[in-house]
Amino acid sequence: MKTRNWILRRSPGRKAWRAAFFCAAVFAVFIVACGAETTDIDGSSTVFPITEAMVEEWSIAIGGSARLVIGISGTGGGFKKFCNGETDINDASRPIKPSEEEQCAEAGVEFIELPVAIDGLTVAVHPDNGFAQCLTIDELHTMWAPEAEGEIDRWSQVRPGWPDERLRLYGPGVDSGTFDYFTETVNGEAQASRGDFTSSERDNVLVQGIAGDRGSLGYFGYSFFVENKDILKAVAIDGGNGCVFPTGETINNGTYAPLSRPLFIYVSKEAWRQQVVKDFVSYYVSYDRAGLLMELGFVPFPKTVHDLVLDRFERGLTGTIFGGKSRRRGTVEDILIANQ
């Protein structure tokens, strides 16, 4: 597996950085001090742009004194490494699953669960598509249900009156937390999906596929749409209360439902004991980074939530309150307050 090393410098633009990173299978990022201990980060491609930017900005802020290596294995692939003790931090676009929680426990890996931002799964089509302005969850189910495989392949089958044109689907791979969240929301069960679609753990591959295919439809995190809105067209989603487009405002206020979700990082308790990890993650989850999150196309939590997350990290509170066997329901703020 190929690895690329990058000496940290302020780049002319994050989009160029990201395009370069996505050319490699693993991304070893920002080597600074010689002999510095390595902090290994892996996981979600959706959360990767946040972590990439946080590493860059933090390293510049401190003048460079740590080595952080970032990989992209997808949320599920990242948890496999994390729960085996191979990485220190896992980026996750969904909460930890019960099976992953058990794997961590069996390996003796304690972790601190930290929500870091809000994202809205964005359904996108080719910019020349003039008819798919809004889709219901039932229509998404018609497209993506397991029983649709080999059966639903024309736009006219999704809604009467739509053209009898070929429908081609693009989506994340099965190790992606985005895939888990979308399939659970749309099909009622995580991992329940038709299999005859173009899949990739690399969101940029999906973006380019949709942008080059007039009959396409796909989904990924909101930030990738924001970065590529000149070559893609977002579709409004009707979750039962009318058609709503994903925007920073609608994702944050809950009206873009049910495709809005929190994003996470998971920090091993062993890594938490290292000062460099404490300093980096404290910087990462601070409300002072809200502007950076918005610049990247993500939605920050209110300051009260960021403060609760920072407090949870500083206290080293372990275990999951958003996933696992005892998954709580409610807003991120309500769950954090109830589990201080």
C-alpha atoms as a PDB file:
ATOM      1  CA  MET A   1       0.000   0.000   0.000  1.00  0.00           C
ATOM      2  CA  LYS A   2       1.421   3.333  -1.068  1.00  0.00           C
ATOM      3  CA  THR A   3       2.079   6.042   1.507  1.00  0.00           C
ATOM      4  CA  ARG A   4       2.753   9.711   0.956  1.00  0.00           C
ATOM      5  CA  ASN A   5       4.507  12.001   3.399  1.00  0.00           C
ATOM      6  CA  TRP A   6       3.942  15.747   3.379  1.00  0.00           C
ATOM      7  CA  ILE A   7       5.993  18.423   5.097  1.00  0.00           C
ATOM      8  CA  LEU A   8       3.506  20.852   6.582  1.00  0.00           C
ATOM      9  CA  ARG A   9       3.272  24.203   4.845  1.00  0.00           C
ATOM     10  CA  ARG A  10       0.367  26.588   4.499  1.00  0.00           C
ATOM     11  CA  SER A  11      -1.256  25.596   1.225  1.00  0.00           C
ATOM     12  CA  PRO A  12      -2.775  27.889  -1.386  1.00  0.00           C
ATOM     13  CA  GLY A  13      -6.084  26.064  -1.040  1.00  0.00           C
ATOM     14  CA  ARG A  14      -7.529  23.066   0.792  1.00  0.00           C
ATOM     15  CA  LYS A  15      -9.255  21.805  -2.339  1.00  0.00           C
ATOM     16  CA  ALA A  16      -5.869  21.318  -4.002  1.00  0.00           C
ATOM     17  CA  TRP A  17      -4.549  19.551  -0.902  1.00  0.00           C
ATOM     18  CA  ARG A  18      -7.534  17.240  -0.810  1.00  0.00           C
ATOM     19  CA  ALA A  19      -7.281  16.385  -4.496  1.00  0.00           C
ATOM     20  CA  ALA A  20      -3.660  15.405  -3.962  1.00  0.00           C
ATOM     21  CA  PHE A  21      -4.471  13.347  -0.856  1.00  0.00           C
ATOM     22  CA  PHE A  22      -7.215  11.398  -2.585  1.00  0.00           C
ATOM     23  CA  CYS A  23      -4.731  10.106  -5.160  1.00  0.00           C
ATOM     24  CA  ALA A  24      -3.155   7.844  -2.522  1.00  0.00           C
ATOM     25  CA  ALA A  25      -4.596   4.856  -0.686  1.00  0.00           C
ATOM     26  CA  VAL A  26      -3.257   6.015   2.676  1.00  0.00           C
ATOM     27  CA  PHE A  27      -2.393   9.557   3.635  1.00  0.00           C
ATOM     28  CA  ALA A  28       0.517  10.183   5.954  1.00  0.00           C
ATOM     29  CA  VAL A  29       0.167  13.840   6.694  1.00  0.00           C
ATOM     30  CA  PHE A  30       2.327  16.566   8.169  1.00  0.00           C
ATOM     31  CA  ILE A  31       5.661  15.261   9.423  1.00  0.00           C
ATOM     32  CA  VAL A  32       7.235  17.930  11.581  1.00  0.00           C
ATOM     33  CA  ALA A  33       9.603  17.291  14.457  1.00  0.00           C
ATOM     34  CA  CYS A  34      12.278  14.643  13.956  1.00  0.00           C
ATOM     35  CA  GLY A  35      11.801  11.751  16.356  1.00  0.00           C
ATOM     36  CA  ALA A  36       8.366  12.926  17.486  1.00  0.00           C
ATOM     37  CA  GLU A  37       5.920  10.227  18.558  1.00  0.00           C
ATOM     38  CA  THR A  38       3.370   9.362  15.888  1.00  0.00           C
ATOM     39  CA  THR A  39      -0.348   9.851  16.430  1.00  0.00           C
ATOM     40  CA  ASP A  40      -2.286   7.646  14.026  1.00  0.00           C
ATOM     41  CA  ILE A  41      -5.713   8.750  12.802  1.00  0.00           C
ATOM     42  CA  ASP A  42      -7.963   6.774  10.444  1.00  0.00           C
ATOM     43  CA  GLY A  43     -11.599   6.288   9.528  1.00  0.00           C
ATOM     44  CA  SER A  44     -14.318   8.244   7.784  1.00  0.00           C
ATOM     45  CA  SER A  45     -13.757   9.972   4.455  1.00  0.00           C
ATOM     46  CA  THR A  46     -16.528  12.411   5.432  1.00  0.00           C
ATOM     47  CA  VAL A  47     -14.751  13.495   8.617  1.00  0.00           C
ATOM     48  CA  PHE A  48     -11.323  13.434   6.950  1.00  0.00           C
ATOM     49  CA  PRO A  49     -11.537  17.042   5.609  1.00  0.00           C
ATOM     50  CA  ILE A  50     -12.212  18.300   9.141  1.00  0.00           C
ATOM     51  CA  THR A  51      -9.329  16.351  10.647  1.00  0.00           C
ATOM     52  CA  GLU A  52      -7.024  17.320   7.783  1.00  0.00           C
ATOM     53  CA  ALA A  53      -7.766  21.011   8.320  1.00  0.00           C
ATOM     54  CA  MET A  54      -7.480  20.742  12.111  1.00  0.00           C
ATOM     55  CA  VAL A  55      -4.071  19.077  11.799  1.00  0.00           C
ATOM     56  CA  GLU A  56      -2.874  21.762   9.422  1.00  0.00           C
ATOM     57  CA  GLU A  57      -4.157  24.719  11.460  1.00  0.00           C
ATOM     58  CA  TRP A  58      -3.063  23.321  14.824  1.00  0.00           C
ATOM     59  CA  SER A  59       0.410  22.456  13.592  1.00  0.00           C
ATOM     60  CA  ILE A  60       0.816  25.980  12.246  1.00  0.00           C
ATOM     61  CA  ALA A  61      -0.489  27.451  15.498  1.00  0.00           C
ATOM     62  CA  ILE A  62       2.033  25.575  17.625  1.00  0.00           C
ATOM     63  CA  GLY A  63       4.911  25.986  15.213  1.00  0.00           C
ATOM     64  CA  GLY A  64       5.146  22.268  14.426  1.00  0.00           C
ATOM     65  CA  SER A  65       6.041  19.792  17.150  1.00  0.00           C
ATOM     66  CA  ALA A  66       4.158  16.566  16.498  1.00  0.00           C
ATOM     67  CA  ARG A  67       3.669  13.902  13.883  1.00  0.00           C
ATOM     68  CA  LEU A  68       0.098  13.053  12.916  1.00  0.00           C
ATOM     69  CA  VAL A  69      -0.651  10.457  10.259  1.00  0.00           C
ATOM     70  CA  ILE A  70      -4.119  10.368   8.686  1.00  0.00           C
ATOM     71  CA  GLY A  71      -5.613   7.443   6.770  1.00  0.00           C
ATOM     72  CA  ILE A  72      -8.996   6.854   5.153  1.00  0.00           C
ATOM     73  CA  SER A  73     -10.427   3.371   5.652  1.00  0.00           C
ATOM     74  CA  GLY A  74     -14.071   4.385   6.047  1.00  0.00           C
ATOM     75  CA  THR A  75     -15.790   4.493   9.419  1.00  0.00           C
ATOM     76  CA  GLY A  76     -16.147   0.725   9.693  1.00  0.00           C
ATOM     77  CA  GLY A  77     -12.651   0.001   8.437  1.00  0.00           C
ATOM     78  CA  GLY A  78     -11.303   2.627  10.816  1.00  0.00           C
ATOM     79  CA  PHE A  79     -13.068   1.078  13.806  1.00  0.00           C
ATOM     80  CA  LYS A  80     -11.513  -2.303  12.979  1.00  0.00           C
ATOM     81  CA  LYS A  81      -8.055  -0.754  13.292  1.00  0.00           C
ATOM     82  CA  PHE A  82      -8.981   1.410  16.269  1.00  0.00           C
ATOM     83  CA  CYS A  83     -10.450  -1.459  18.271  1.00  0.00           C
ATOM     84  CA  ASN A  84      -7.370  -3.550  17.503  1.00  0.00           C
ATOM     85  CA  GLY A  85      -5.224  -0.829  19.043  1.00  0.00           C
ATOM     86  CA  GLU A  86      -3.614   0.075  15.715  1.00  0.00           C
ATOM     87  CA  THR A  87      -4.702   3.752  15.736  1.00  0.00           C
ATOM     88  CA  ASP A  88      -5.128   6.486  18.322  1.00  0.00           C
ATOM     89  CA  ILE A  89      -8.099   8.397  16.880  1.00  0.00           C
ATOM     90  CA  ASN A  90     -10.927   7.201  14.639  1.00  0.00           C
ATOM     91  CA  ASP A  91     -12.930   9.583  12.455  1.00  0.00           C
ATOM     92  CA  ALA A  92     -16.549   8.378  12.308  1.00  0.00           C
ATOM     93  CA  SER A  93     -19.573   9.534  10.352  1.00  0.00           C
ATOM     94  CA  ARG A  94     -21.848   7.484  12.627  1.00  0.00           C
ATOM     95  CA  PRO A  95     -21.774   6.299  16.245  1.00  0.00           C
ATOM     96  CA  ILE A  96     -19.943   3.103  17.144  1.00  0.00           C
ATOM     97  CA  LYS A  97     -21.915  -0.115  16.547  1.00  0.00           C
ATOM     98  CA  PRO A  98     -22.543  -2.692  19.311  1.00  0.00           C
ATOM     99  CA  SER A  99     -20.274  -5.192  17.544  1.00  0.00           C
ATOM    100  CA  GLU A 100     -17.485  -2.603  17.372  1.00  0.00           C
ATOM    101  CA  GLU A 101     -18.020  -1.695  21.020  1.00  0.00           C
ATOM    102  CA  GLU A 102     -17.597  -5.389  21.880  1.00  0.00           C
ATOM    103  CA  GLN A 103     -14.466  -5.628  19.745  1.00  0.00           C
ATOM    104  CA  CYS A 104     -12.921  -2.679  21.584  1.00  0.00           C
ATOM    105  CA  ALA A 105     -13.860  -4.158  24.960  1.00  0.00           C
ATOM    106  CA  GLU A 106     -12.373  -7.547  24.090  1.00  0.00           C
ATOM    107  CA  ALA A 107      -9.116  -5.866  23.059  1.00  0.00           C
ATOM    108  CA  GLY A 108      -9.059  -3.676  26.172  1.00  0.00           C
ATOM    109  CA  VAL A 109      -9.388  -0.459  24.158  1.00  0.00           C
ATOM    110  CA  GLU A 110     -11.183   2.242  26.126  1.00  0.00           C
ATOM    111  CA  PHE A 111     -12.320   5.258  24.149  1.00  0.00           C
ATOM    112  CA  ILE A 112     -13.702   8.766  24.496  1.00  0.00           C
ATOM    113  CA  GLU A 113     -16.561   9.576  22.114  1.00  0.00           C
ATOM    114  CA  LEU A 114     -16.715  13.177  20.858  1.00  0.00           C
ATOM    115  CA  PRO A 115     -19.284  14.701  18.463  1.00  0.00           C
ATOM    116  CA  VAL A 116     -17.492  17.355  16.419  1.00  0.00           C
ATOM    117  CA  ALA A 117     -19.948  18.787  13.850  1.00  0.00           C
ATOM    118  CA  ILE A 118     -23.235  18.278  12.042  1.00  0.00           C
ATOM    119  CA  ASP A 119     -23.477  17.025   8.481  1.00  0.00           C
ATOM    120  CA  GLY A 120     -26.326  16.603   6.034  1.00  0.00           C
ATOM    121  CA  LEU A 121     -26.196  13.689   3.616  1.00  0.00           C
ATOM    122  CA  THR A 122     -26.641  15.337   0.237  1.00  0.00           C
ATOM    123  CA  VAL A 123     -28.357  13.633  -2.678  1.00  0.00           C
ATOM    124  CA  ALA A 124     -26.921  14.958  -5.924  1.00  0.00           C
ATOM    125  CA  VAL A 125     -27.554  14.566  -9.642  1.00  0.00           C
ATOM    126  CA  HIS A 126     -25.921  15.719 -12.868  1.00  0.00           C
ATOM    127  CA  PRO A 127     -26.374  19.503 -13.358  1.00  0.00           C
ATOM    128  CA  ASP A 128     -28.294  18.924 -16.600  1.00  0.00           C
ATOM    129  CA  ASN A 129     -30.990  16.963 -14.765  1.00  0.00           C
ATOM    130  CA  GLY A 130     -33.995  19.319 -14.939  1.00  0.00           C
ATOM    131  CA  PHE A 131     -36.694  17.089 -13.465  1.00  0.00           C
ATOM    132  CA  ALA A 132     -35.392  15.619 -10.197  1.00  0.00           C
ATOM    133  CA  GLN A 133     -35.859  18.734  -8.081  1.00  0.00           C
ATOM    134  CA  CYS A 134     -37.112  16.956  -4.945  1.00  0.00           C
ATOM    135  CA  LEU A 135     -37.305  13.356  -3.752  1.00  0.00           C
ATOM    136  CA  THR A 136     -39.258  11.746  -0.944  1.00  0.00           C
ATOM    137  CA  ILE A 137     -37.737   9.143   1.354  1.00  0.00           C
ATOM    138  CA  ASP A 138     -40.081   6.590  -0.233  1.00  0.00           C
ATOM    139  CA  GLU A 139     -38.698   7.454  -3.675  1.00  0.00           C
ATOM    140  CA  LEU A 140     -35.146   7.063  -2.398  1.00  0.00           C
ATOM    141  CA  HIS A 141     -36.220   3.696  -1.018  1.00  0.00           C
ATOM    142  CA  THR A 142     -37.603   2.752  -4.426  1.00  0.00           C
ATOM    143  CA  MET A 143     -34.173   3.432  -5.905  1.00  0.00           C
ATOM    144  CA  TRP A 144     -31.971   1.952  -3.190  1.00  0.00           C
ATOM    145  CA  ALA A 145     -33.902  -0.935  -1.611  1.00  0.00           C
ATOM    146  CA  PRO A 146     -32.315  -4.399  -1.887  1.00  0.00           C
ATOM    147  CA  GLU A 147     -35.241  -5.562  -4.008  1.00  0.00           C
ATOM    148  CA  ALA A 148     -34.561  -2.744  -6.506  1.00  0.00           C
ATOM    149  CA  GLU A 149     -31.410  -4.514  -7.694  1.00  0.00           C
ATOM    150  CA  GLY A 150     -31.785  -5.414 -11.353  1.00  0.00           C
ATOM    151  CA  GLU A 151     -35.339  -4.058 -11.360  1.00  0.00           C
ATOM    152  CA  ILE A 152     -35.293  -0.269 -10.954  1.00  0.00           C
ATOM    153  CA  ASP A 153     -33.006   1.144 -13.619  1.00  0.00           C
ATOM    154  CA  ARG A 154     -35.103   3.893 -15.274  1.00  0.00           C
ATOM    155  CA  TRP A 155     -36.053   7.302 -13.904  1.00  0.00           C
ATOM    156  CA  SER A 156     -39.632   6.689 -15.075  1.00  0.00           C
ATOM    157  CA  GLN A 157     -39.887   3.817 -12.569  1.00  0.00           C
ATOM    158  CA  VAL A 158     -39.238   6.184  -9.681  1.00  0.00           C
ATOM    159  CA  ARG A 159     -41.970   8.705 -10.421  1.00  0.00           C
ATOM    160  CA  PRO A 160     -44.629   8.682 -13.151  1.00  0.00           C
ATOM    161  CA  GLY A 161     -44.007  11.475 -15.634  1.00  0.00           C
ATOM    162  CA  TRP A 162     -40.240  11.406 -15.289  1.00  0.00           C
ATOM    163  CA  PRO A 163     -38.366  10.557 -18.513  1.00  0.00           C
ATOM    164  CA  ASP A 164     -37.727   6.980 -19.531  1.00  0.00           C
ATOM    165  CA  GLU A 165     -33.983   7.436 -19.160  1.00  0.00           C
ATOM    166  CA  ARG A 166     -31.349   5.201 -17.642  1.00  0.00           C
ATOM    167  CA  LEU A 167     -30.820   5.646 -13.866  1.00  0.00           C
ATOM    168  CA  ARG A 168     -27.283   5.018 -12.621  1.00  0.00           C
ATOM    169  CA  LEU A 169     -26.501   5.149  -8.907  1.00  0.00           C
ATOM    170  CA  TYR A 170     -23.353   6.136  -7.007  1.00  0.00           C
ATOM    171  CA  GLY A 171     -22.737   5.673  -3.297  1.00  0.00           C
ATOM    172  CA  PRO A 172     -20.192   4.996  -0.565  1.00  0.00           C
ATOM    173  CA  GLY A 173     -18.735   1.558   0.038  1.00  0.00           C
ATOM    174  CA  VAL A 174     -19.988  -0.808   2.718  1.00  0.00           C
ATOM    175  CA  ASP A 175     -17.280   0.237   5.221  1.00  0.00           C
ATOM    176  CA  SER A 176     -18.562   3.810   5.135  1.00  0.00           C
ATOM    177  CA  GLY A 177     -20.554   5.276   8.019  1.00  0.00           C
ATOM    178  CA  THR A 178     -22.393   7.338   5.425  1.00  0.00           C
ATOM    179  CA  PHE A 179     -23.553   4.104   3.790  1.00  0.00           C
ATOM    180  CA  ASP A 180     -24.725   2.794   7.168  1.00  0.00           C
ATOM    181  CA  TYR A 181     -26.626   5.968   8.014  1.00  0.00           C
ATOM    182  CA  PHE A 182     -28.242   6.319   4.598  1.00  0.00           C
ATOM    183  CA  THR A 183     -29.346   2.689   4.366  1.00  0.00           C
ATOM    184  CA  GLU A 184     -30.762   2.686   7.896  1.00  0.00           C
ATOM    185  CA  THR A 185     -32.661   5.925   7.255  1.00  0.00           C
ATOM    186  CA  VAL A 186     -33.918   5.096   3.765  1.00  0.00           C
ATOM    187  CA  ASN A 187     -34.244   1.301   3.874  1.00  0.00           C
ATOM    188  CA  GLY A 188     -34.882   0.741   7.581  1.00  0.00           C
ATOM    189  CA  GLU A 189     -31.742  -1.277   8.247  1.00  0.00           C
ATOM    190  CA  ALA A 190     -28.060  -0.422   8.118  1.00  0.00           C
ATOM    191  CA  GLN A 191     -26.251  -2.153   5.224  1.00  0.00           C
ATOM    192  CA  ALA A 192     -29.561  -3.048   3.536  1.00  0.00           C
ATOM    193  CA  SER A 193     -29.075  -1.863  -0.039  1.00  0.00           C
ATOM    194  CA  ARG A 194     -29.080  -2.928  -3.618  1.00  0.00           C
ATOM    195  CA  GLY A 195     -25.599  -3.919  -4.683  1.00  0.00           C
ATOM    196  CA  ASP A 196     -25.581  -2.907  -8.336  1.00  0.00           C
ATOM    197  CA  PHE A 197     -24.337   0.641  -7.934  1.00  0.00           C
ATOM    198  CA  THR A 198     -20.951   2.290  -8.383  1.00  0.00           C
ATOM    199  CA  SER A 199     -19.373   2.399  -4.930  1.00  0.00           C
ATOM    200  CA  SER A 200     -16.240   3.976  -3.507  1.00  0.00           C
ATOM    201  CA  GLU A 201     -14.842   4.883  -0.100  1.00  0.00           C
ATOM    202  CA  ARG A 202     -13.488   8.033  -1.771  1.00  0.00           C
ATOM    203  CA  ASP A 203     -16.148  10.737  -1.969  1.00  0.00           C
ATOM    204  CA  ASN A 204     -14.259  12.548  -4.719  1.00  0.00           C
ATOM    205  CA  VAL A 205     -14.650   9.453  -6.913  1.00  0.00           C
ATOM    206  CA  LEU A 206     -18.423   9.662  -6.423  1.00  0.00           C
ATOM    207  CA  VAL A 207     -18.422  13.390  -7.174  1.00  0.00           C
ATOM    208  CA  GLN A 208     -16.564  12.877 -10.441  1.00  0.00           C
ATOM    209  CA  GLY A 209     -18.775   9.956 -11.405  1.00  0.00           C
ATOM    210  CA  ILE A 210     -22.004  11.902 -10.938  1.00  0.00           C
ATOM    211  CA  ALA A 211     -20.595  14.991 -12.634  1.00  0.00           C
ATOM    212  CA  GLY A 212     -19.729  12.931 -15.714  1.00  0.00           C
ATOM    213  CA  ASP A 213     -22.943  10.910 -16.011  1.00  0.00           C
ATOM    214  CA  ARG A 214     -26.215  12.551 -17.133  1.00  0.00           C
ATOM    215  CA  GLY A 215     -28.338   9.714 -15.731  1.00  0.00           C
ATOM    216  CA  SER A 216     -26.668   9.690 -12.336  1.00  0.00           C
ATOM    217  CA  LEU A 217     -27.766  10.068  -8.730  1.00  0.00           C
ATOM    218  CA  GLY A 218     -25.628   9.602  -5.650  1.00  0.00           C
ATOM    219  CA  TYR A 219     -25.110  10.698  -2.063  1.00  0.00           C
ATOM    220  CA  PHE A 220     -22.285  11.839   0.234  1.00  0.00           C
ATOM    221  CA  GLY A 221     -21.559  14.413   2.935  1.00  0.00           C
ATOM    222  CA  TYR A 222     -22.658  18.027   2.479  1.00  0.00           C
ATOM    223  CA  SER A 223     -19.116  19.407   2.424  1.00  0.00           C
ATOM    224  CA  PHE A 224     -18.319  17.519  -0.781  1.00  0.00           C
ATOM    225  CA  PHE A 225     -21.336  19.074  -2.463  1.00  0.00           C
ATOM    226  CA  VAL A 226     -20.337  22.560  -1.279  1.00  0.00           C
ATOM    227  CA  GLU A 227     -16.864  22.084  -2.678  1.00  0.00           C
ATOM    228  CA  ASN A 228     -18.226  20.815  -6.011  1.00  0.00           C
ATOM    229  CA  LYS A 229     -21.486  22.724  -6.427  1.00  0.00           C
ATOM    230  CA  ASP A 230     -20.266  24.100  -9.756  1.00  0.00           C
ATOM    231  CA  ILE A 231     -20.380  20.586 -11.259  1.00  0.00           C
ATOM    232  CA  LEU A 232     -23.237  19.008  -9.258  1.00  0.00           C
ATOM    233  CA  LYS A 233     -26.883  19.707  -8.506  1.00  0.00           C
ATOM    234  CA  ALA A 234     -28.350  19.035  -5.055  1.00  0.00           C
ATOM    235  CA  VAL A 235     -31.820  17.505  -4.753  1.00  0.00           C
ATOM    236  CA  ALA A 236     -34.245  18.704  -2.077  1.00  0.00           C
ATOM    237  CA  ILE A 237     -35.528  16.004   0.286  1.00  0.00           C
ATOM    238  CA  ASP A 238     -39.110  15.669   1.492  1.00  0.00           C
ATOM    239  CA  GLY A 239     -38.976  13.922   4.848  1.00  0.00           C
ATOM    240  CA  GLY A 240     -42.694  14.460   5.404  1.00  0.00           C
ATOM    241  CA  ASN A 241     -42.824  18.228   5.819  1.00  0.00           C
ATOM    242  CA  GLY A 242     -42.150  19.414   2.298  1.00  0.00           C
ATOM    243  CA  CYS A 243     -39.088  19.750   0.109  1.00  0.00           C
ATOM    244  CA  VAL A 244     -35.981  21.084   1.874  1.00  0.00           C
ATOM    245  CA  PHE A 245     -32.553  21.667   0.351  1.00  0.00           C
ATOM    246  CA  PRO A 246     -29.444  20.979   2.444  1.00  0.00           C
ATOM    247  CA  THR A 247     -27.873  24.241   3.658  1.00  0.00           C
ATOM    248  CA  GLY A 248     -25.928  25.182   6.756  1.00  0.00           C
ATOM    249  CA  GLU A 249     -29.115  26.619   8.232  1.00  0.00           C
ATOM    250  CA  THR A 250     -31.465  23.710   7.436  1.00  0.00           C
ATOM    251  CA  ILE A 251     -28.940  21.104   8.593  1.00  0.00           C
ATOM    252  CA  ASN A 252     -28.373  22.939  11.885  1.00  0.00           C
ATOM    253  CA  ASN A 253     -32.018  23.687  12.698  1.00  0.00           C
ATOM    254  CA  GLY A 254     -33.203  20.156  11.947  1.00  0.00           C
ATOM    255  CA  THR A 255     -35.497  20.986   9.025  1.00  0.00           C
ATOM    256  CA  TYR A 256     -33.288  19.025   6.632  1.00  0.00           C
ATOM    257  CA  ALA A 257     -34.575  15.729   7.951  1.00  0.00           C
ATOM    258  CA  PRO A 258     -34.021  12.859   8.214  1.00  0.00           C
ATOM    259  CA  LEU A 259     -30.640  13.052   6.459  1.00  0.00           C
ATOM    260  CA  SER A 260     -28.853  15.281   9.007  1.00  0.00           C
ATOM    261  CA  ARG A 261     -26.496  13.591  11.451  1.00  0.00           C
ATOM    262  CA  PRO A 262     -23.679  14.307  13.910  1.00  0.00           C
ATOM    263  CA  LEU A 263     -20.086  13.415  13.077  1.00  0.00           C
ATOM    264  CA  PHE A 264     -17.594  12.059  15.617  1.00  0.00           C
ATOM    265  CA  ILE A 265     -14.032  11.371  16.540  1.00  0.00           C
ATOM    266  CA  TYR A 266     -13.151   8.542  18.940  1.00  0.00           C
ATOM    267  CA  VAL A 267      -9.977   8.920  21.002  1.00  0.00           C
ATOM    268  CA  SER A 268      -8.384   5.953  22.752  1.00  0.00           C
ATOM    269  CA  LYS A 269      -7.917   6.446  26.480  1.00  0.00           C
ATOM    270  CA  GLU A 270      -4.287   5.369  26.123  1.00  0.00           C
ATOM    271  CA  ALA A 271      -3.666   8.117  23.565  1.00  0.00           C
ATOM    272  CA  TRP A 272      -5.577  10.601  25.762  1.00  0.00           C
ATOM    273  CA  ARG A 273      -2.781  10.271  28.327  1.00  0.00           C
ATOM    274  CA  GLN A 274      -0.311  11.776  25.843  1.00  0.00           C
ATOM    275  CA  GLN A 275      -0.031  15.551  26.125  1.00  0.00           C
ATOM    276  CA  VAL A 276       0.218  16.036  22.369  1.00  0.00           C
ATOM    277  CA  VAL A 277      -3.123  14.265  21.881  1.00  0.00           C
ATOM    278  CA  LYS A 278      -4.732  16.271  24.683  1.00  0.00           C
ATOM    279  CA  ASP A 279      -3.544  19.501  23.117  1.00  0.00           C
ATOM    280  CA  PHE A 280      -4.582  18.591  19.574  1.00  0.00           C
ATOM    281  CA  VAL A 281      -8.045  17.254  20.418  1.00  0.00           C
ATOM    282  CA  SER A 282      -8.784  20.166  22.756  1.00  0.00           C
ATOM    283  CA  TYR A 283      -7.985  22.479  19.859  1.00  0.00           C
ATOM    284  CA  TYR A 284     -10.092  20.341  17.500  1.00  0.00           C
ATOM    285  CA  VAL A 285     -13.338  20.366  19.529  1.00  0.00           C
ATOM    286  CA  SER A 286     -13.190  23.979  20.714  1.00  0.00           C
ATOM    287  CA  TYR A 287     -15.953  26.348  19.581  1.00  0.00           C
ATOM    288  CA  ASP A 288     -13.127  28.607  18.378  1.00  0.00           C
ATOM    289  CA  ARG A 289     -12.955  26.269  15.350  1.00  0.00           C
ATOM    290  CA  ALA A 290     -16.582  26.999  14.348  1.00  0.00           C
ATOM    291  CA  GLY A 291     -15.476  29.310  11.548  1.00  0.00           C
ATOM    292  CA  LEU A 292     -13.175  26.648  10.132  1.00  0.00           C
ATOM    293  CA  LEU A 293     -15.983  24.084  10.175  1.00  0.00           C
ATOM    294  CA  MET A 294     -18.250  26.435   8.237  1.00  0.00           C
ATOM    295  CA  GLU A 295     -15.464  27.190   5.764  1.00  0.00           C
ATOM    296  CA  LEU A 296     -15.197  23.454   5.106  1.00  0.00           C
ATOM    297  CA  GLY A 297     -18.942  23.075   4.510  1.00  0.00           C
ATOM    298  CA  PHE A 298     -19.843  21.556   7.879  1.00  0.00           C
ATOM    299  CA  VAL A 299     -22.175  22.928  10.545  1.00  0.00           C
ATOM    300  CA  PRO A 300     -20.766  23.648  14.021  1.00  0.00           C
ATOM    301  CA  PHE A 301     -22.782  22.942  17.133  1.00  0.00           C
ATOM    302  CA  PRO A 302     -23.871  25.807  19.380  1.00  0.00           C
ATOM    303  CA  LYS A 303     -21.153  26.910  21.800  1.00  0.00           C
ATOM    304  CA  THR A 304     -22.866  25.106  24.690  1.00  0.00           C
ATOM    305  CA  VAL A 305     -22.444  21.789  22.876  1.00  0.00           C
ATOM    306  CA  HIS A 306     -18.786  22.392  21.993  1.00  0.00           C
ATOM    307  CA  ASP A 307     -18.152  23.298  25.643  1.00  0.00           C
ATOM    308  CA  LEU A 308     -19.830  20.084  26.820  1.00  0.00           C
ATOM    309  CA  VAL A 309     -17.743  18.048  24.365  1.00  0.00           C
ATOM    310  CA  LEU A 310     -14.523  19.730  25.508  1.00  0.00           C
ATOM    311  CA  ASP A 311     -15.442  19.077  29.143  1.00  0.00           C
ATOM    312  CA  ARG A 312     -16.113  15.422  28.371  1.00  0.00           C
ATOM    313  CA  PHE A 313     -12.713  15.106  26.729  1.00  0.00           C
ATOM    314  CA  GLU A 314     -10.805  16.915  29.459  1.00  0.00           C
ATOM    315  CA  ARG A 315     -12.375  14.636  32.061  1.00  0.00           C
ATOM    316  CA  GLY A 316     -11.544  11.557  30.003  1.00  0.00           C
ATOM    317  CA  LEU A 317     -15.067  10.112  30.172  1.00  0.00           C
ATOM    318  CA  THR A 318     -15.043   6.777  28.352  1.00  0.00           C
ATOM    319  CA  GLY A 319     -17.676   4.715  26.599  1.00  0.00           C
ATOM    320  CA  THR A 320     -20.406   5.491  24.099  1.00  0.00           C
ATOM    321  CA  ILE A 321     -23.541   7.508  24.774  1.00  0.00           C
ATOM    322  CA  PHE A 322     -24.552   7.861  21.119  1.00  0.00           C
ATOM    323  CA  GLY A 323     -24.125   4.300  19.842  1.00  0.00           C
ATOM    324  CA  GLY A 324     -23.412   0.792  21.041  1.00  0.00           C
ATOM    325  CA  LYS A 325     -25.936  -1.393  22.865  1.00  0.00           C
ATOM    326  CA  SER A 326     -27.417   1.407  24.971  1.00  0.00           C
ATOM    327  CA  ARG A 327     -27.936   4.039  22.295  1.00  0.00           C
ATOM    328  CA  ARG A 328     -29.650   7.168  23.629  1.00  0.00           C
ATOM    329  CA  ARG A 329     -32.252   9.210  21.784  1.00  0.00           C
ATOM    330  CA  GLY A 330     -32.540  12.970  21.649  1.00  0.00           C
ATOM    331  CA  THR A 331     -30.512  15.961  20.525  1.00  0.00           C
ATOM    332  CA  VAL A 332     -26.745  15.928  20.859  1.00  0.00           C
ATOM    333  CA  GLU A 333     -26.988  18.564  23.592  1.00  0.00           C
ATOM    334  CA  ASP A 334     -29.638  16.636  25.546  1.00  0.00           C
ATOM    335  CA  ILE A 335     -27.610  13.423  25.398  1.00  0.00           C
ATOM    336  CA  LEU A 336     -24.420  15.174  26.533  1.00  0.00           C
ATOM    337  CA  ILE A 337     -26.165  16.937  29.438  1.00  0.00           C
ATOM    338  CA  ALA A 338     -27.813  13.715  30.588  1.00  0.00           C
ATOM    339  CA  ASN A 339     -24.470  11.895  30.601  1.00  0.00           C
ATOM    340  CA  GLN A 340     -22.092  14.412  32.198  1.00  0.00           C
END
